[in-house]
PDB file of all heavy atoms in Angstrom:
ATOM      1  N   LEU A   1      -6.939  -5.863  -6.286  1.00  0.00           N
ATOM      2  CA  LEU A   1      -6.381  -6.770  -7.283  1.00  0.00           C
ATOM      3  C   LEU A   1      -6.056  -6.018  -8.564  1.00  0.00           C
ATOM      4  O   LEU A   1      -4.976  -6.158  -9.120  1.00  0.00           O
ATOM      5  CB  LEU A   1      -7.358  -7.907  -7.569  1.00  0.00           C
ATOM      6  CG  LEU A   1      -6.930  -8.908  -8.646  1.00  0.00           C
ATOM      7  CD1 LEU A   1      -5.633  -9.608  -8.233  1.00  0.00           C
ATOM      8  CD2 LEU A   1      -8.025  -9.921  -8.880  1.00  0.00           C
ATOM      9  N   VAL A   2      -6.969  -5.171  -9.007  1.00  0.00           N
ATOM     10  CA  VAL A   2      -6.748  -4.401 -10.227  1.00  0.00           C
ATOM     11  C   VAL A   2      -5.543  -3.490 -10.061  1.00  0.00           C
ATOM     12  O   VAL A   2      -4.660  -3.444 -10.904  1.00  0.00           O
ATOM     13  CB  VAL A   2      -8.006  -3.585 -10.612  1.00  0.00           C
ATOM     14  CG1 VAL A   2      -7.681  -2.579 -11.706  1.00  0.00           C
ATOM     15  CG2 VAL A   2      -9.114  -4.523 -11.053  1.00  0.00           C
ATOM     16  N   PHE A   3      -5.471  -2.749  -8.933  1.00  0.00           N
ATOM     17  CA  PHE A   3      -4.335  -1.860  -8.714  1.00  0.00           C
ATOM     18  C   PHE A   3      -3.036  -2.655  -8.632  1.00  0.00           C
ATOM     19  O   PHE A   3      -2.015  -2.233  -9.137  1.00  0.00           O
ATOM     20  CB  PHE A   3      -4.511  -1.034  -7.437  1.00  0.00           C
ATOM     21  CG  PHE A   3      -5.409   0.150  -7.621  1.00  0.00           C
ATOM     22  CD1 PHE A   3      -6.588   0.258  -6.893  1.00  0.00           C
ATOM     23  CD2 PHE A   3      -5.079   1.153  -8.518  1.00  0.00           C
ATOM     24  CE1 PHE A   3      -7.406   1.351  -7.056  1.00  0.00           C
ATOM     25  CE2 PHE A   3      -5.898   2.251  -8.679  1.00  0.00           C
ATOM     26  CZ  PHE A   3      -7.065   2.350  -7.953  1.00  0.00           C
ATOM     27  N   GLY A   4      -3.077  -3.825  -7.994  1.00  0.00           N
ATOM     28  CA  GLY A   4      -1.881  -4.654  -7.882  1.00  0.00           C
ATOM     29  C   GLY A   4      -1.406  -5.123  -9.248  1.00  0.00           C
ATOM     30  O   GLY A   4      -0.221  -5.094  -9.553  1.00  0.00           O
ATOM     31  N   ILE A   5      -2.340  -5.535 -10.098  1.00  0.00           N
ATOM     32  CA  ILE A   5      -1.992  -5.989 -11.447  1.00  0.00           C
ATOM     33  C   ILE A   5      -1.460  -4.822 -12.262  1.00  0.00           C
ATOM     34  O   ILE A   5      -0.436  -4.926 -12.925  1.00  0.00           O
ATOM     35  CB  ILE A   5      -3.218  -6.635 -12.141  1.00  0.00           C
ATOM     36  CG1 ILE A   5      -3.544  -7.963 -11.461  1.00  0.00           C
ATOM     37  CG2 ILE A   5      -2.948  -6.822 -13.628  1.00  0.00           C
ATOM     38  CD1 ILE A   5      -4.865  -8.555 -11.883  1.00  0.00           C
ATOM     39  N   VAL A   6      -2.150  -3.678 -12.200  1.00  0.00           N
ATOM     40  CA  VAL A   6      -1.697  -2.503 -12.934  1.00  0.00           C
ATOM     41  C   VAL A   6      -0.300  -2.115 -12.485  1.00  0.00           C
ATOM     42  O   VAL A   6       0.570  -1.827 -13.285  1.00  0.00           O
ATOM     43  CB  VAL A   6      -2.697  -1.334 -12.750  1.00  0.00           C
ATOM     44  CG1 VAL A   6      -2.116  -0.029 -13.248  1.00  0.00           C
ATOM     45  CG2 VAL A   6      -4.000  -1.646 -13.466  1.00  0.00           C
ATOM     46  N   GLY A   7      -0.053  -2.130 -11.163  1.00  0.00           N
ATOM     47  CA  GLY A   7       1.268  -1.790 -10.642  1.00  0.00           C
ATOM     48  C   GLY A   7       2.315  -2.786 -11.080  1.00  0.00           C
ATOM     49  O   GLY A   7       3.432  -2.409 -11.446  1.00  0.00           O
ATOM     50  N   ALA A   8       1.984  -4.065 -11.045  1.00  0.00           N
ATOM     51  CA  ALA A   8       2.944  -5.097 -11.448  1.00  0.00           C
ATOM     52  C   ALA A   8       3.327  -4.955 -12.913  1.00  0.00           C
ATOM     53  O   ALA A   8       4.442  -5.259 -13.309  1.00  0.00           O
ATOM     54  CB  ALA A   8       2.363  -6.485 -11.193  1.00  0.00           C
ATOM     55  N   LEU A   9       2.402  -4.469 -13.710  1.00  0.00           N
ATOM     56  CA  LEU A   9       2.696  -4.273 -15.126  1.00  0.00           C
ATOM     57  C   LEU A   9       3.400  -2.946 -15.392  1.00  0.00           C
ATOM     58  O   LEU A   9       3.723  -2.630 -16.522  1.00  0.00           O
ATOM     59  CB  LEU A   9       1.391  -4.315 -15.940  1.00  0.00           C
ATOM     60  CG  LEU A   9       0.664  -5.656 -15.928  1.00  0.00           C
ATOM     61  CD1 LEU A   9      -0.681  -5.524 -16.629  1.00  0.00           C
ATOM     62  CD2 LEU A   9       1.513  -6.724 -16.604  1.00  0.00           C
ATOM     63  N   GLY A  10       3.606  -2.177 -14.324  1.00  0.00           N
ATOM     64  CA  GLY A  10       4.278  -0.895 -14.478  1.00  0.00           C
ATOM     65  C   GLY A  10       3.381   0.177 -15.070  1.00  0.00           C
ATOM     66  O   GLY A  10       3.852   1.155 -15.616  1.00  0.00           O
ATOM     67  N   LEU A  11       2.068   0.013 -14.914  1.00  0.00           N
ATOM     68  CA  LEU A  11       1.139   0.944 -15.529  1.00  0.00           C
ATOM     69  C   LEU A  11       0.590   1.985 -14.560  1.00  0.00           C
ATOM     70  O   LEU A  11      -0.172   2.834 -14.954  1.00  0.00           O
ATOM     71  CB  LEU A  11      -0.042   0.172 -16.143  1.00  0.00           C
ATOM     72  CG  LEU A  11       0.353  -0.836 -17.215  1.00  0.00           C
ATOM     73  CD1 LEU A  11      -0.872  -1.625 -17.647  1.00  0.00           C
ATOM     74  CD2 LEU A  11       0.981  -0.130 -18.403  1.00  0.00           C
ATOM     75  N   GLY A  12       0.952   1.928 -13.315  1.00  0.00           N
ATOM     76  CA  GLY A  12       0.431   2.908 -12.380  1.00  0.00           C
ATOM     77  C   GLY A  12       0.912   2.623 -10.982  1.00  0.00           C
ATOM     78  O   GLY A  12       1.736   1.756 -10.758  1.00  0.00           O
ATOM     79  N   ALA A  13       0.378   3.379 -10.047  1.00  0.00           N
ATOM     80  CA  ALA A  13       0.769   3.226  -8.658  1.00  0.00           C
ATOM     81  C   ALA A  13       0.219   1.925  -8.098  1.00  0.00           C
ATOM     82  O   ALA A  13      -0.884   1.513  -8.439  1.00  0.00           O
ATOM     83  CB  ALA A  13       0.234   4.399  -7.837  1.00  0.00           C
ATOM     84  N   VAL A  14       0.988   1.271  -7.276  1.00  0.00           N
ATOM     85  CA  VAL A  14       0.524   0.067  -6.610  1.00  0.00           C
ATOM     86  C   VAL A  14      -0.223   0.497  -5.363  1.00  0.00           C
ATOM     87  O   VAL A  14       0.316   1.190  -4.521  1.00  0.00           O
ATOM     88  CB  VAL A  14       1.702  -0.855  -6.227  1.00  0.00           C
ATOM     89  CG1 VAL A  14       1.204  -2.063  -5.467  1.00  0.00           C
ATOM     90  CG2 VAL A  14       2.451  -1.274  -7.462  1.00  0.00           C
ATOM     91  N   VAL A  15      -1.469   0.115  -5.276  1.00  0.00           N
ATOM     92  CA  VAL A  15      -2.284   0.475  -4.132  1.00  0.00           C
ATOM     93  C   VAL A  15      -2.953  -0.789  -3.642  1.00  0.00           C
ATOM     94  O   VAL A  15      -3.575  -1.501  -4.407  1.00  0.00           O
ATOM     95  CB  VAL A  15      -3.361   1.517  -4.504  1.00  0.00           C
ATOM     96  CG1 VAL A  15      -4.239   1.833  -3.323  1.00  0.00           C
ATOM     97  CG2 VAL A  15      -2.713   2.787  -5.042  1.00  0.00           C
ATOM     98  N   ALA A  16      -2.819  -1.074  -2.368  1.00  0.00           N
ATOM     99  CA  ALA A  16      -3.476  -2.226  -1.774  1.00  0.00           C
ATOM    100  C   ALA A  16      -4.327  -1.747  -0.616  1.00  0.00           C
ATOM    101  O   ALA A  16      -4.053  -0.726  -0.012  1.00  0.00           O
ATOM    102  CB  ALA A  16      -2.444  -3.236  -1.283  1.00  0.00           C
ATOM    103  N   ILE A  17      -5.348  -2.495  -0.312  1.00  0.00           N
ATOM    104  CA  ILE A  17      -6.242  -2.138   0.774  1.00  0.00           C
ATOM    105  C   ILE A  17      -5.555  -2.425   2.105  1.00  0.00           C
ATOM    106  O   ILE A  17      -5.124  -3.537   2.353  1.00  0.00           O
ATOM    107  CB  ILE A  17      -7.554  -2.951   0.682  1.00  0.00           C
ATOM    108  CG1 ILE A  17      -8.241  -2.709  -0.659  1.00  0.00           C
ATOM    109  CG2 ILE A  17      -8.469  -2.648   1.850  1.00  0.00           C
ATOM    110  CD1 ILE A  17      -8.600  -1.280  -0.947  1.00  0.00           C
ATOM    111  N   PRO A  18      -5.434  -1.416   2.979  1.00  0.00           N
ATOM    112  CA  PRO A  18      -4.817  -1.666   4.272  1.00  0.00           C
ATOM    113  C   PRO A  18      -5.764  -2.456   5.164  1.00  0.00           C
ATOM    114  O   PRO A  18      -6.969  -2.271   5.094  1.00  0.00           O
ATOM    115  CB  PRO A  18      -4.573  -0.269   4.841  1.00  0.00           C
ATOM    116  CG  PRO A  18      -5.611   0.574   4.205  1.00  0.00           C
ATOM    117  CD  PRO A  18      -5.860  -0.035   2.843  1.00  0.00           C
ATOM    118  N   LEU A  19      -5.229  -3.307   5.959  1.00  0.00           N
ATOM    119  CA  LEU A  19      -6.043  -4.098   6.867  1.00  0.00           C
ATOM    120  C   LEU A  19      -6.077  -3.387   8.214  1.00  0.00           C
ATOM    121  O   LEU A  19      -5.370  -3.740   9.135  1.00  0.00           O
ATOM    122  CB  LEU A  19      -5.440  -5.501   6.995  1.00  0.00           C
ATOM    123  CG  LEU A  19      -5.304  -6.239   5.661  1.00  0.00           C
ATOM    124  CD1 LEU A  19      -4.547  -7.544   5.854  1.00  0.00           C
ATOM    125  CD2 LEU A  19      -6.665  -6.488   5.050  1.00  0.00           C
ATOM    126  N   ILE A  20      -6.918  -2.360   8.311  1.00  0.00           N
ATOM    127  CA  ILE A  20      -6.912  -1.524   9.492  1.00  0.00           C
ATOM    128  C   ILE A  20      -8.136  -1.700  10.374  1.00  0.00           C
ATOM    129  O   ILE A  20      -8.326  -0.942  11.288  1.00  0.00           O
ATOM    130  CB  ILE A  20      -6.735  -0.038   9.127  1.00  0.00           C
ATOM    131  CG1 ILE A  20      -7.800   0.432   8.153  1.00  0.00           C
ATOM    132  CG2 ILE A  20      -5.362   0.218   8.589  1.00  0.00           C
ATOM    133  CD1 ILE A  20      -7.690   1.890   7.778  1.00  0.00           C
ATOM    134  N   GLY A  21      -8.923  -2.698  10.132  1.00  0.00           N
ATOM    135  CA  GLY A  21     -10.033  -2.958  11.026  1.00  0.00           C
ATOM    136  C   GLY A  21     -11.344  -3.060  10.283  1.00  0.00           C
ATOM    137  O   GLY A  21     -11.420  -2.864   9.078  1.00  0.00           O
ATOM    138  N   PRO A  22     -12.409  -3.357  11.030  1.00  0.00           N
ATOM    139  CA  PRO A  22     -13.722  -3.477  10.412  1.00  0.00           C
ATOM    140  C   PRO A  22     -14.142  -2.169   9.771  1.00  0.00           C
ATOM    141  O   PRO A  22     -13.837  -1.102  10.273  1.00  0.00           O
ATOM    142  CB  PRO A  22     -14.644  -3.819  11.594  1.00  0.00           C
ATOM    143  CG  PRO A  22     -13.739  -4.256  12.679  1.00  0.00           C
ATOM    144  CD  PRO A  22     -12.423  -3.600  12.446  1.00  0.00           C
ATOM    145  N   VAL A  23     -14.823  -2.263   8.671  1.00  0.00           N
ATOM    146  CA  VAL A  23     -15.267  -1.070   7.972  1.00  0.00           C
ATOM    147  C   VAL A  23     -16.769  -1.127   7.763  1.00  0.00           C
ATOM    148  O   VAL A  23     -17.377  -2.176   7.821  1.00  0.00           O
ATOM    149  CB  VAL A  23     -14.573  -0.929   6.600  1.00  0.00           C
ATOM    150  CG1 VAL A  23     -13.093  -0.749   6.767  1.00  0.00           C
ATOM    151  CG2 VAL A  23     -14.852  -2.123   5.711  1.00  0.00           C
ATOM    152  N   VAL A  24     -17.333   0.037   7.540  1.00  0.00           N
ATOM    153  CA  VAL A  24     -18.740   0.143   7.182  1.00  0.00           C
ATOM    154  C   VAL A  24     -18.825   1.122   6.030  1.00  0.00           C
ATOM    155  O   VAL A  24     -17.902   1.887   5.776  1.00  0.00           O
ATOM    156  CB  VAL A  24     -19.614   0.647   8.352  1.00  0.00           C
ATOM    157  CG1 VAL A  24     -19.621  -0.343   9.489  1.00  0.00           C
ATOM    158  CG2 VAL A  24     -19.151   2.012   8.848  1.00  0.00           C
ATOM    159  N   ALA A  25     -19.938   1.106   5.360  1.00  0.00           N
ATOM    160  CA  ALA A  25     -20.149   2.107   4.325  1.00  0.00           C
ATOM    161  C   ALA A  25     -20.237   3.469   4.993  1.00  0.00           C
ATOM    162  O   ALA A  25     -20.432   3.572   6.194  1.00  0.00           O
ATOM    163  CB  ALA A  25     -21.438   1.787   3.561  1.00  0.00           C
ATOM    164  N   ALA A  26     -20.100   4.520   4.204  1.00  0.00           N
ATOM    165  CA  ALA A  26     -20.158   5.871   4.745  1.00  0.00           C
ATOM    166  C   ALA A  26     -21.425   6.050   5.574  1.00  0.00           C
ATOM    167  O   ALA A  26     -22.487   5.545   5.254  1.00  0.00           O
ATOM    168  CB  ALA A  26     -20.118   6.884   3.609  1.00  0.00           C
ATOM    169  N   ALA A  27     -21.284   6.769   6.664  1.00  0.00           N
ATOM    170  CA  ALA A  27     -22.387   6.998   7.597  1.00  0.00           C
ATOM    171  C   ALA A  27     -23.488   7.816   6.931  1.00  0.00           C
ATOM    172  O   ALA A  27     -23.240   8.517   5.959  1.00  0.00           O
ATOM    173  CB  ALA A  27     -21.870   7.735   8.830  1.00  0.00           C
ATOM    174  N   PRO A  28     -24.706   7.751   7.467  1.00  0.00           N
ATOM    175  CA  PRO A  28     -25.788   8.553   6.915  1.00  0.00           C
ATOM    176  C   PRO A  28     -25.405  10.029   6.921  1.00  0.00           C
ATOM    177  O   PRO A  28     -24.734  10.501   7.825  1.00  0.00           O
ATOM    178  CB  PRO A  28     -26.948   8.289   7.879  1.00  0.00           C
ATOM    179  CG  PRO A  28     -26.606   7.009   8.554  1.00  0.00           C
ATOM    180  CD  PRO A  28     -25.117   6.947   8.588  1.00  0.00           C
ATOM    181  N   ALA A  29     -25.815  10.759   5.916  1.00  0.00           N
ATOM    182  CA  ALA A  29     -25.577  12.193   5.758  1.00  0.00           C
ATOM    183  C   ALA A  29     -24.131  12.510   5.398  1.00  0.00           C
ATOM    184  O   ALA A  29     -23.748  13.651   5.359  1.00  0.00           O
ATOM    185  CB  ALA A  29     -25.993  12.964   7.009  1.00  0.00           C
ATOM    186  N   VAL A  30     -23.321  11.495   5.143  1.00  0.00           N
ATOM    187  CA  VAL A  30     -21.936  11.729   4.737  1.00  0.00           C
ATOM    188  C   VAL A  30     -21.909  11.808   3.216  1.00  0.00           C
ATOM    189  O   VAL A  30     -22.601  11.072   2.534  1.00  0.00           O
ATOM    190  CB  VAL A  30     -21.023  10.585   5.240  1.00  0.00           C
ATOM    191  CG1 VAL A  30     -19.622  10.727   4.692  1.00  0.00           C
ATOM    192  CG2 VAL A  30     -20.998  10.560   6.746  1.00  0.00           C
ATOM    193  N   GLY A  31     -21.078  12.703   2.706  1.00  0.00           N
ATOM    194  CA  GLY A  31     -20.947  12.834   1.256  1.00  0.00           C
ATOM    195  C   GLY A  31     -20.549  11.515   0.624  1.00  0.00           C
ATOM    196  O   GLY A  31     -19.845  10.712   1.216  1.00  0.00           O
ATOM    197  N   ASP A  32     -20.993  11.307  -0.584  1.00  0.00           N
ATOM    198  CA  ASP A  32     -20.733  10.068  -1.302  1.00  0.00           C
ATOM    199  C   ASP A  32     -19.430  10.193  -2.084  1.00  0.00           C
ATOM    200  O   ASP A  32     -19.436  10.460  -3.274  1.00  0.00           O
ATOM    201  CB  ASP A  32     -21.901   9.757  -2.235  1.00  0.00           C
ATOM    202  CG  ASP A  32     -21.742   8.426  -2.932  1.00  0.00           C
ATOM    203  OD1 ASP A  32     -20.992   7.572  -2.422  1.00  0.00           O
ATOM    204  OD2 ASP A  32     -22.365   8.244  -3.995  1.00  0.00           O
ATOM    205  N   VAL A  33     -18.303  10.018  -1.396  1.00  0.00           N
ATOM    206  CA  VAL A  33     -16.996  10.089  -2.041  1.00  0.00           C
ATOM    207  C   VAL A  33     -16.624   8.670  -2.430  1.00  0.00           C
ATOM    208  O   VAL A  33     -16.413   7.815  -1.559  1.00  0.00           O
ATOM    209  CB  VAL A  33     -15.943  10.712  -1.107  1.00  0.00           C
ATOM    210  CG1 VAL A  33     -14.571  10.719  -1.759  1.00  0.00           C
ATOM    211  CG2 VAL A  33     -16.358  12.125  -0.706  1.00  0.00           C
ATOM    212  N   GLN A  34     -16.539   8.414  -3.730  1.00  0.00           N
ATOM    213  CA  GLN A  34     -16.283   7.065  -4.215  1.00  0.00           C
ATOM    214  C   GLN A  34     -14.961   6.536  -3.664  1.00  0.00           C
ATOM    215  O   GLN A  34     -13.927   7.175  -3.770  1.00  0.00           O
ATOM    216  CB  GLN A  34     -16.255   7.048  -5.738  1.00  0.00           C
ATOM    217  CG  GLN A  34     -16.120   5.652  -6.296  1.00  0.00           C
ATOM    218  CD  GLN A  34     -16.201   5.634  -7.804  1.00  0.00           C
ATOM    219  OE1 GLN A  34     -16.351   6.651  -8.455  1.00  0.00           O
ATOM    220  NE2 GLN A  34     -16.113   4.454  -8.359  1.00  0.00           N
ATOM    221  N   GLY A  35     -15.031   5.350  -3.060  1.00  0.00           N
ATOM    222  CA  GLY A  35     -13.846   4.702  -2.518  1.00  0.00           C
ATOM    223  C   GLY A  35     -13.579   4.994  -1.057  1.00  0.00           C
ATOM    224  O   GLY A  35     -12.743   4.340  -0.444  1.00  0.00           O
ATOM    225  N   TYR A  36     -14.271   5.971  -0.468  1.00  0.00           N
ATOM    226  CA  TYR A  36     -14.055   6.290   0.945  1.00  0.00           C
ATOM    227  C   TYR A  36     -14.634   5.182   1.816  1.00  0.00           C
ATOM    228  O   TYR A  36     -15.744   4.707   1.586  1.00  0.00           O
ATOM    229  CB  TYR A  36     -14.697   7.623   1.326  1.00  0.00           C
ATOM    230  CG  TYR A  36     -14.549   7.923   2.798  1.00  0.00           C
ATOM    231  CD1 TYR A  36     -13.330   8.288   3.336  1.00  0.00           C
ATOM    232  CD2 TYR A  36     -15.629   7.791   3.658  1.00  0.00           C
ATOM    233  CE1 TYR A  36     -13.174   8.530   4.679  1.00  0.00           C
ATOM    234  CE2 TYR A  36     -15.493   8.040   5.012  1.00  0.00           C
ATOM    235  CZ  TYR A  36     -14.257   8.406   5.509  1.00  0.00           C
ATOM    236  OH  TYR A  36     -14.117   8.645   6.854  1.00  0.00           O
ATOM    237  N   VAL A  37     -13.865   4.767   2.809  1.00  0.00           N
ATOM    238  CA  VAL A  37     -14.292   3.722   3.730  1.00  0.00           C
ATOM    239  C   VAL A  37     -14.264   4.287   5.140  1.00  0.00           C
ATOM    240  O   VAL A  37     -13.208   4.706   5.637  1.00  0.00           O
ATOM    241  CB  VAL A  37     -13.353   2.491   3.647  1.00  0.00           C
ATOM    242  CG1 VAL A  37     -13.777   1.424   4.641  1.00  0.00           C
ATOM    243  CG2 VAL A  37     -13.332   1.938   2.236  1.00  0.00           C
ATOM    244  N   GLU A  38     -15.425   4.326   5.781  1.00  0.00           N
ATOM    245  CA  GLU A  38     -15.493   4.772   7.168  1.00  0.00           C
ATOM    246  C   GLU A  38     -15.250   3.569   8.070  1.00  0.00           C
ATOM    247  O   GLU A  38     -15.823   2.499   7.858  1.00  0.00           O
ATOM    248  CB  GLU A  38     -16.852   5.383   7.475  1.00  0.00           C
ATOM    249  CG  GLU A  38     -16.914   5.923   8.896  1.00  0.00           C
ATOM    250  CD  GLU A  38     -18.218   6.625   9.192  1.00  0.00           C
ATOM    251  OE1 GLU A  38     -19.281   6.047   8.887  1.00  0.00           O
ATOM    252  OE2 GLU A  38     -18.171   7.731   9.741  1.00  0.00           O
ATOM    253  N   LEU A  39     -14.397   3.754   9.058  1.00  0.00           N
ATOM    254  CA  LEU A  39     -14.093   2.663   9.983  1.00  0.00           C
ATOM    255  C   LEU A  39     -15.208   2.475  10.993  1.00  0.00           C
ATOM    256  O   LEU A  39     -15.719   3.443  11.546  1.00  0.00           O
ATOM    257  CB  LEU A  39     -12.787   2.954  10.721  1.00  0.00           C
ATOM    258  CG  LEU A  39     -11.538   3.049   9.858  1.00  0.00           C
ATOM    259  CD1 LEU A  39     -10.351   3.473  10.700  1.00  0.00           C
ATOM    260  CD2 LEU A  39     -11.264   1.722   9.185  1.00  0.00           C
ATOM    261  N   GLU A  40     -15.566   1.248  11.235  1.00  0.00           N
ATOM    262  CA  GLU A  40     -16.542   0.930  12.266  1.00  0.00           C
ATOM    263  C   GLU A  40     -15.956   1.236  13.636  1.00  0.00           C
ATOM    264  O   GLU A  40     -16.637   1.724  14.528  1.00  0.00           O
ATOM    265  CB  GLU A  40     -16.929  -0.541  12.167  1.00  0.00           C
ATOM    266  CG  GLU A  40     -18.015  -0.965  13.112  1.00  0.00           C
ATOM    267  CD  GLU A  40     -18.387  -2.415  12.855  1.00  0.00           C
ATOM    268  OE1 GLU A  40     -19.080  -2.674  11.859  1.00  0.00           O
ATOM    269  OE2 GLU A  40     -17.963  -3.257  13.656  1.00  0.00           O
ATOM    270  N   THR A  41     -14.665   0.955  13.784  1.00  0.00           N
ATOM    271  CA  THR A  41     -13.960   1.213  15.037  1.00  0.00           C
ATOM    272  C   THR A  41     -12.758   2.107  14.736  1.00  0.00           C
ATOM    273  O   THR A  41     -11.713   1.620  14.306  1.00  0.00           O
ATOM    274  CB  THR A  41     -13.472  -0.107  15.670  1.00  0.00           C
ATOM    275  OG1 THR A  41     -14.583  -0.996  15.782  1.00  0.00           O
ATOM    276  CG2 THR A  41     -12.841   0.135  17.020  1.00  0.00           C
ATOM    277  N   PRO A  42     -12.906   3.434  14.934  1.00  0.00           N
ATOM    278  CA  PRO A  42     -11.762   4.322  14.712  1.00  0.00           C
ATOM    279  C   PRO A  42     -10.597   3.931  15.628  1.00  0.00           C
ATOM    280  O   PRO A  42     -10.790   3.330  16.680  1.00  0.00           O
ATOM    281  CB  PRO A  42     -12.303   5.703  15.093  1.00  0.00           C
ATOM    282  CG  PRO A  42     -13.793   5.569  14.953  1.00  0.00           C
ATOM    283  CD  PRO A  42     -14.106   4.153  15.346  1.00  0.00           C
ATOM    284  N   PHE A  43      -9.383   4.269  15.197  1.00  0.00           N
ATOM    285  CA  PHE A  43      -8.205   3.965  16.002  1.00  0.00           C
ATOM    286  C   PHE A  43      -7.346   5.213  16.138  1.00  0.00           C
ATOM    287  O   PHE A  43      -7.396   6.107  15.292  1.00  0.00           O
ATOM    288  CB  PHE A  43      -7.412   2.794  15.402  1.00  0.00           C
ATOM    289  CG  PHE A  43      -6.814   3.055  14.051  1.00  0.00           C
ATOM    290  CD1 PHE A  43      -5.519   3.542  13.917  1.00  0.00           C
ATOM    291  CD2 PHE A  43      -7.541   2.796  12.895  1.00  0.00           C
ATOM    292  CE1 PHE A  43      -4.966   3.770  12.676  1.00  0.00           C
ATOM    293  CE2 PHE A  43      -6.991   3.022  11.645  1.00  0.00           C
ATOM    294  CZ  PHE A  43      -5.696   3.514  11.528  1.00  0.00           C
ATOM    295  N   PRO A  44      -6.561   5.307  17.223  1.00  0.00           N
ATOM    296  CA  PRO A  44      -5.741   6.498  17.424  1.00  0.00           C
ATOM    297  C   PRO A  44      -4.608   6.584  16.404  1.00  0.00           C
ATOM    298  O   PRO A  44      -4.098   5.549  15.950  1.00  0.00           O
ATOM    299  CB  PRO A  44      -5.187   6.334  18.846  1.00  0.00           C
ATOM    300  CG  PRO A  44      -5.369   4.911  19.191  1.00  0.00           C
ATOM    301  CD  PRO A  44      -6.456   4.352  18.324  1.00  0.00           C
ATOM    302  N   VAL A  45      -4.229   7.811  16.079  1.00  0.00           N
ATOM    303  CA  VAL A  45      -3.110   7.995  15.156  1.00  0.00           C
ATOM    304  C   VAL A  45      -1.869   7.356  15.760  1.00  0.00           C
ATOM    305  O   VAL A  45      -1.686   7.349  16.975  1.00  0.00           O
ATOM    306  CB  VAL A  45      -2.850   9.485  14.842  1.00  0.00           C
ATOM    307  CG1 VAL A  45      -4.001  10.088  14.068  1.00  0.00           C
ATOM    308  CG2 VAL A  45      -2.540  10.285  16.090  1.00  0.00           C
ATOM    309  N   PRO A  46      -0.997   6.808  14.920  1.00  0.00           N
ATOM    310  CA  PRO A  46       0.230   6.212  15.441  1.00  0.00           C
ATOM    311  C   PRO A  46       1.159   7.286  16.013  1.00  0.00           C
ATOM    312  O   PRO A  46       1.071   8.455  15.645  1.00  0.00           O
ATOM    313  CB  PRO A  46       0.854   5.527  14.227  1.00  0.00           C
ATOM    314  CG  PRO A  46       0.141   6.037  13.041  1.00  0.00           C
ATOM    315  CD  PRO A  46      -1.142   6.643  13.483  1.00  0.00           C
TER     316      PRO A  46
END
């Protein structure tokens, strides 16, 4: 929502969350990269 509003106001890139499947928080022992979403069900590259 914030990115959409910022983009609509012409203040930055418009970024929306893709609806690519169920997600989970980063797996145990994975680096804590802010904003990274690990997929619960990975999918093949298009």
